[in-house]
């Protein structure tokens, strides 16, 4: 994901975060003389994949452009406990006022990237691509989607606008799988069309209707194997297959070995645990 295309999103993320934290001003920071300068080091307290530098930079750009941010690591890099991630130099008030917002972004996105790398390593060698979902933190969709890529996984769709995902209720409202797919082709030609199926009968209908991707929802590994065999044995262009629903750490590799093209996992973004980071400050 090229973050240059999302600078306005990053700016809005940071603006909202600073507004909810600072509101009318940091009254605790006012205990420090305005002219006092400081230097700070931000360290990791655990092993992690780093993601979110652009959000940290934007925090201090908006809060106080005089603060100097010097990075010691890159996004996507493994870090170890007690490793320095970046250093700050500037007015002590600004460093302390921006600390929490900056670290909130960095530790949350690093947590997402680290979890994604764990899952990526779990399916290494299978050829499957792990996809995220729309189960992201409100307001941080682009941020977490970026962190997913940093961690080695892939983005499914950004929102409801860039691809069709026809589920049970859509099928019922449209009158059937064929009708839903036909309508999708008319509404937005060229947009990817994916259909969620729960039975082998629906699988056959979706394949015959010419959908691009079929999501196999809550299929057991045995049924997943059967579905893959059924689709792969058909002549002509075949749809891509995606496994979804009820897949855990314990069963992930088993599903990956069935031959599906994708596995979508909501836990990549909704169950991430923030990385433990700390700021060490010294006045000049």
Protein backbone atom coordinates (compact mmCIF):
# COMPACT_ATOMS: atom_id res chain seq x y z
CA UNK A 1 0.00 0.00 0.00
CA UNK A 2 1.48 3.33 -1.10
CA UNK A 3 0.86 5.68 1.83
CA UNK A 4 1.44 8.72 -0.39
CA UNK A 5 -2.10 8.12 -1.66
CA UNK A 6 -3.47 8.20 1.88
CA UNK A 7 -1.79 11.24 3.40
CA UNK A 8 -5.14 12.92 4.01
CA UNK A 9 -6.34 9.81 5.87
CA UNK A 10 -3.24 9.79 8.05
CA UNK A 11 -3.63 13.50 8.76
CA UNK A 12 -7.27 13.03 9.74
CA UNK A 13 -6.42 10.03 11.97
CA UNK A 14 -3.85 12.10 13.83
CA UNK A 15 -5.96 15.23 14.02
CA UNK A 16 -8.79 13.29 15.65
CA UNK A 17 -6.43 11.52 18.06
CA UNK A 18 -4.78 14.77 19.18
CA UNK A 19 -8.14 16.50 19.57
CA UNK A 20 -9.54 13.82 21.88
CA UNK A 21 -6.34 13.73 23.97
CA UNK A 22 -5.41 17.41 24.20
CA UNK A 23 -8.78 19.14 23.89
CA UNK A 24 -8.11 22.57 25.48
CA UNK A 25 -4.47 21.76 26.23
CA UNK A 26 -2.13 19.52 28.22
CA UNK A 27 -2.39 20.97 31.72
CA UNK A 28 0.22 18.59 33.16
CA UNK A 29 2.81 19.64 30.56
CA UNK A 30 2.34 23.24 31.71
CA UNK A 31 4.22 22.30 34.90
CA UNK A 32 7.37 22.32 32.73
CA UNK A 33 8.96 25.65 31.71
CA UNK A 34 8.05 26.48 28.11
CA UNK A 35 11.72 26.94 27.17
CA UNK A 36 12.81 23.56 28.57
CA UNK A 37 14.17 21.26 25.88
CA UNK A 38 14.49 17.48 26.08
CA UNK A 39 15.66 14.37 24.31
CA UNK A 40 13.68 11.12 24.34
CA UNK A 41 14.27 7.56 23.21
CA UNK A 42 11.37 5.25 22.41
CA UNK A 43 12.14 1.59 23.00
CA UNK A 44 10.36 -1.69 22.47
CA UNK A 45 9.73 -3.84 25.52
CA UNK A 46 9.17 -6.98 23.45
CA UNK A 47 9.97 -8.63 20.13
CA UNK A 48 7.75 -7.26 17.39
CA UNK A 49 7.33 -6.18 13.77
CA UNK A 50 7.23 -2.39 13.53
CA UNK A 51 4.52 -0.57 11.58
CA UNK A 52 3.18 2.98 11.73
CA UNK A 53 6.09 5.38 11.27
CA UNK A 54 4.01 7.73 9.09
CA UNK A 55 1.45 8.21 11.85
CA UNK A 56 4.13 9.00 14.45
CA UNK A 57 5.74 11.54 12.13
CA UNK A 58 2.36 13.17 11.53
CA UNK A 59 1.68 13.47 15.28
CA UNK A 60 4.72 15.66 15.83
CA UNK A 61 4.31 17.50 12.53
CA UNK A 62 0.84 18.64 13.66
CA UNK A 63 1.70 19.14 17.31
CA UNK A 64 5.03 20.92 16.97
CA UNK A 65 7.03 20.95 13.70
CA UNK A 66 10.15 21.96 15.63
CA UNK A 67 10.36 18.46 17.15
CA UNK A 68 13.04 16.40 15.43
CA UNK A 69 12.14 12.72 14.85
CA UNK A 70 15.02 10.38 14.04
CA UNK A 71 14.10 6.77 13.22
CA UNK A 72 16.39 3.84 14.00
CA UNK A 73 14.15 1.17 12.44
CA UNK A 74 11.99 0.73 9.35
CA UNK A 75 8.41 -0.49 9.01
CA UNK A 76 8.46 -4.25 8.56
CA UNK A 77 11.60 -4.73 10.64
CA UNK A 78 11.79 -7.14 13.57
CA UNK A 79 12.87 -5.44 16.79
CA UNK A 80 14.01 -6.93 20.08
CA UNK A 81 13.31 -5.92 23.68
CA UNK A 82 15.07 -2.70 24.75
CA UNK A 83 15.88 -1.74 21.15
CA UNK A 84 15.63 1.98 20.34
CA UNK A 85 12.96 2.58 17.70
CA UNK A 86 13.24 6.35 17.30
CA UNK A 87 14.50 9.44 19.09
CA UNK A 88 12.91 12.82 19.68
CA UNK A 89 14.50 16.19 20.31
CA UNK A 90 12.57 19.39 21.01
CA UNK A 91 10.53 21.26 23.60
CA UNK A 92 9.87 18.98 26.58
CA UNK A 93 6.21 19.99 26.64
CA UNK A 94 5.71 18.89 23.03
CA UNK A 95 7.49 15.56 23.52
CA UNK A 96 5.32 14.70 26.52
CA UNK A 97 2.08 15.96 24.98
CA UNK A 98 2.59 13.90 21.83
CA UNK A 99 3.90 10.77 23.52
CA UNK A 100 0.64 8.90 24.03
CA UNK A 101 -0.89 9.64 20.62
CA UNK A 102 2.30 8.66 18.82
CA UNK A 103 2.78 5.45 20.79
CA UNK A 104 -0.90 4.51 20.50
CA UNK A 105 -0.59 4.46 16.73
CA UNK A 106 2.77 2.71 16.70
CA UNK A 107 1.96 0.02 19.24
CA UNK A 108 -1.45 -0.76 17.71
CA UNK A 109 -0.21 -1.00 14.13
CA UNK A 110 2.90 -2.91 15.20
CA UNK A 111 0.64 -5.31 17.08
CA UNK A 112 -1.39 -5.85 13.90
CA UNK A 113 1.73 -6.40 11.79
CA UNK A 114 3.25 -8.77 14.34
CA UNK A 115 0.09 -10.89 14.47
CA UNK A 116 -0.04 -11.01 10.68
CA UNK A 117 3.57 -12.18 10.51
CA UNK A 118 2.74 -14.97 12.97
CA UNK A 119 -0.08 -16.17 10.71
CA UNK A 120 2.05 -15.78 7.58
CA UNK A 121 4.77 -17.96 9.08
CA UNK A 122 2.12 -20.55 10.00
CA UNK A 123 1.19 -21.17 6.35
CA UNK A 124 4.66 -20.83 4.84
CA UNK A 125 5.17 -23.12 1.87
CA UNK A 126 1.46 -23.74 1.18
CA UNK A 127 1.00 -21.03 -1.45
CA UNK A 128 -2.15 -19.67 0.18
CA UNK A 129 -2.65 -15.93 0.66
CA UNK A 130 -4.05 -14.73 3.97
CA UNK A 131 -6.61 -11.93 3.69
CA UNK A 132 -7.85 -9.43 6.22
CA UNK A 133 -11.50 -8.38 6.57
CA UNK A 134 -13.47 -5.21 7.35
CA UNK A 135 -13.30 -6.06 11.07
CA UNK A 136 -10.99 -3.16 11.82
CA UNK A 137 -10.86 -0.53 14.57
CA UNK A 138 -13.32 2.28 13.72
CA UNK A 139 -11.53 5.12 11.97
CA UNK A 140 -8.32 3.12 11.49
CA UNK A 141 -9.28 1.06 8.43
CA UNK A 142 -6.43 2.27 6.20
CA UNK A 143 -3.94 2.20 9.07
CA UNK A 144 -4.65 -1.43 9.93
CA UNK A 145 -4.88 -2.48 6.28
CA UNK A 146 -1.39 -1.01 5.86
CA UNK A 147 -0.11 -2.88 8.92
CA UNK A 148 -1.56 -6.12 7.51
CA UNK A 149 0.61 -5.72 4.42
CA UNK A 150 3.66 -4.87 6.53
CA UNK A 151 3.09 -8.18 8.36
CA UNK A 152 3.06 -10.16 5.11
CA UNK A 153 -0.69 -10.70 4.66
CA UNK A 154 -3.00 -9.23 2.03
CA UNK A 155 -5.94 -6.85 1.90
CA UNK A 156 -9.33 -8.23 0.92
CA UNK A 157 -11.34 -5.10 0.13
CA UNK A 158 -10.90 -1.67 1.66
CA UNK A 159 -14.63 -1.08 2.07
CA UNK A 160 -18.03 -1.65 0.54
CA UNK A 161 -17.14 0.29 -2.61
CA UNK A 162 -14.28 -1.58 -4.29
CA UNK A 163 -15.63 -5.13 -4.71
CA UNK A 164 -18.84 -7.12 -4.45
CA UNK A 165 -19.19 -9.64 -1.64
CA UNK A 166 -22.58 -11.28 -2.06
CA UNK A 167 -23.71 -12.97 1.13
CA UNK A 168 -26.75 -14.92 2.27
CA UNK A 169 -29.01 -11.92 2.78
CA UNK A 170 -28.00 -10.36 -0.54
CA UNK A 171 -28.80 -13.63 -2.31
CA UNK A 172 -32.20 -13.84 -0.63
CA UNK A 173 -33.06 -10.24 -1.46
CA UNK A 174 -31.98 -10.63 -5.10
CA UNK A 175 -33.87 -13.88 -5.65
CA UNK A 176 -30.87 -16.17 -6.06
CA UNK A 177 -27.17 -16.43 -6.79
CA UNK A 178 -27.48 -16.07 -10.57
CA UNK A 179 -29.65 -12.96 -10.24
CA UNK A 180 -27.28 -11.37 -7.73
CA UNK A 181 -24.21 -11.93 -9.91
CA UNK A 182 -25.98 -10.71 -13.04
CA UNK A 183 -27.03 -7.53 -11.26
CA UNK A 184 -23.51 -6.98 -9.96
CA UNK A 185 -22.07 -7.18 -13.48
CA UNK A 186 -24.58 -4.56 -14.64
CA UNK A 187 -24.10 -2.20 -11.70
CA UNK A 188 -20.30 -2.06 -11.79
CA UNK A 189 -18.69 -3.86 -14.74
CA UNK A 190 -15.07 -4.69 -13.98
CA UNK A 191 -15.45 -4.79 -10.21
CA UNK A 192 -14.54 -8.15 -8.64
CA UNK A 193 -17.56 -10.28 -7.73
CA UNK A 194 -17.36 -12.72 -4.83
CA UNK A 195 -20.13 -14.96 -3.55
CA UNK A 196 -20.31 -16.58 -0.13
CA UNK A 197 -21.65 -20.15 -0.22
CA UNK A 198 -22.55 -22.55 2.57
CA UNK A 199 -23.45 -25.71 0.60
CA UNK A 200 -22.17 -27.67 -2.38
CA UNK A 201 -25.35 -26.79 -4.26
CA UNK A 202 -24.62 -23.08 -3.83
CA UNK A 203 -21.01 -23.71 -4.83
CA UNK A 204 -22.13 -25.19 -8.14
CA UNK A 205 -24.57 -22.33 -8.73
CA UNK A 206 -21.90 -19.70 -8.08
CA UNK A 207 -19.45 -21.43 -10.38
CA UNK A 208 -21.98 -21.75 -13.18
CA UNK A 209 -22.93 -18.09 -12.81
CA UNK A 210 -19.33 -17.08 -13.48
CA UNK A 211 -18.36 -15.39 -10.26
CA UNK A 212 -14.72 -14.37 -9.79
CA UNK A 213 -14.27 -15.67 -6.24
CA UNK A 214 -16.21 -18.15 -4.14
CA UNK A 215 -16.02 -17.85 -0.37
CA UNK A 216 -16.49 -21.26 1.29
CA UNK A 217 -18.09 -20.31 4.57
CA UNK A 218 -17.67 -22.63 7.57
CA UNK A 219 -16.70 -25.66 5.47
CA UNK A 220 -14.84 -28.36 7.37
CA UNK A 221 -11.34 -29.19 6.08
CA UNK A 222 -12.73 -32.41 4.54
CA UNK A 223 -15.50 -30.51 2.75
CA UNK A 224 -13.01 -27.85 1.74
CA UNK A 225 -10.89 -30.52 0.05
CA UNK A 226 -13.96 -31.78 -1.77
CA UNK A 227 -14.92 -28.27 -2.88
CA UNK A 228 -11.43 -27.60 -4.23
CA UNK A 229 -11.47 -30.88 -6.14
CA UNK A 230 -14.92 -30.11 -7.56
CA UNK A 231 -13.94 -26.66 -8.83
CA UNK A 232 -10.51 -27.68 -10.12
CA UNK A 233 -11.97 -30.58 -12.11
CA UNK A 234 -14.14 -28.24 -14.17
CA UNK A 235 -12.98 -27.21 -17.63
CA UNK A 236 -12.52 -23.57 -18.50
CA UNK A 237 -11.82 -20.59 -16.31
CA UNK A 238 -12.32 -21.42 -12.66
CA UNK A 239 -13.12 -19.03 -9.81
CA UNK A 240 -10.65 -18.43 -7.04
CA UNK A 241 -11.54 -20.10 -3.76
CA UNK A 242 -11.49 -18.49 -0.34
CA UNK A 243 -11.89 -20.26 3.01
CA UNK A 244 -13.56 -18.35 5.82
CA UNK A 245 -15.28 -18.86 9.15
CA UNK A 246 -14.28 -20.81 12.23
CA UNK A 247 -10.60 -21.05 11.31
CA UNK A 248 -8.30 -20.98 14.34
CA UNK A 249 -4.57 -21.02 14.98
CA UNK A 250 -4.81 -24.77 15.42
CA UNK A 251 -6.60 -25.42 12.12
CA UNK A 252 -5.10 -22.69 9.91
CA UNK A 253 -2.41 -24.80 8.27
CA UNK A 254 -4.83 -27.69 7.73
CA UNK A 255 -7.09 -25.35 5.77
CA UNK A 256 -4.13 -23.90 3.89
CA UNK A 257 -3.17 -27.39 2.70
CA UNK A 258 -6.59 -27.99 1.11
CA UNK A 259 -5.56 -26.04 -1.99
CA UNK A 260 -7.71 -22.93 -1.54
CA UNK A 261 -6.29 -19.72 -2.95
CA UNK A 262 -7.15 -17.50 0.00
CA UNK A 263 -8.04 -17.67 3.67
CA UNK A 264 -9.73 -14.65 5.23
CA UNK A 265 -9.25 -14.14 8.96
CA UNK A 266 -10.92 -11.37 10.96
CA UNK A 267 -8.50 -11.94 13.84
CA UNK A 268 -5.70 -10.32 11.83
CA UNK A 269 -7.11 -6.92 12.76
CA UNK A 270 -9.80 -7.31 15.41
CA UNK A 271 -7.84 -9.44 17.90
CA UNK A 272 -4.46 -7.72 17.73
CA UNK A 273 -2.61 -6.97 20.96
CA UNK A 274 -0.71 -3.70 21.16
CA UNK A 275 3.06 -3.96 21.39
CA UNK A 276 4.58 -2.74 24.66
CA UNK A 277 6.59 0.44 24.03
CA UNK A 278 8.15 2.96 26.37
CA UNK A 279 9.53 6.49 26.17
CA UNK A 280 12.64 7.47 28.16
CA UNK A 281 13.04 11.25 28.47
CA UNK A 282 15.92 13.41 29.67
CA UNK A 283 16.00 17.21 29.81
CA UNK A 284 18.82 19.14 28.18
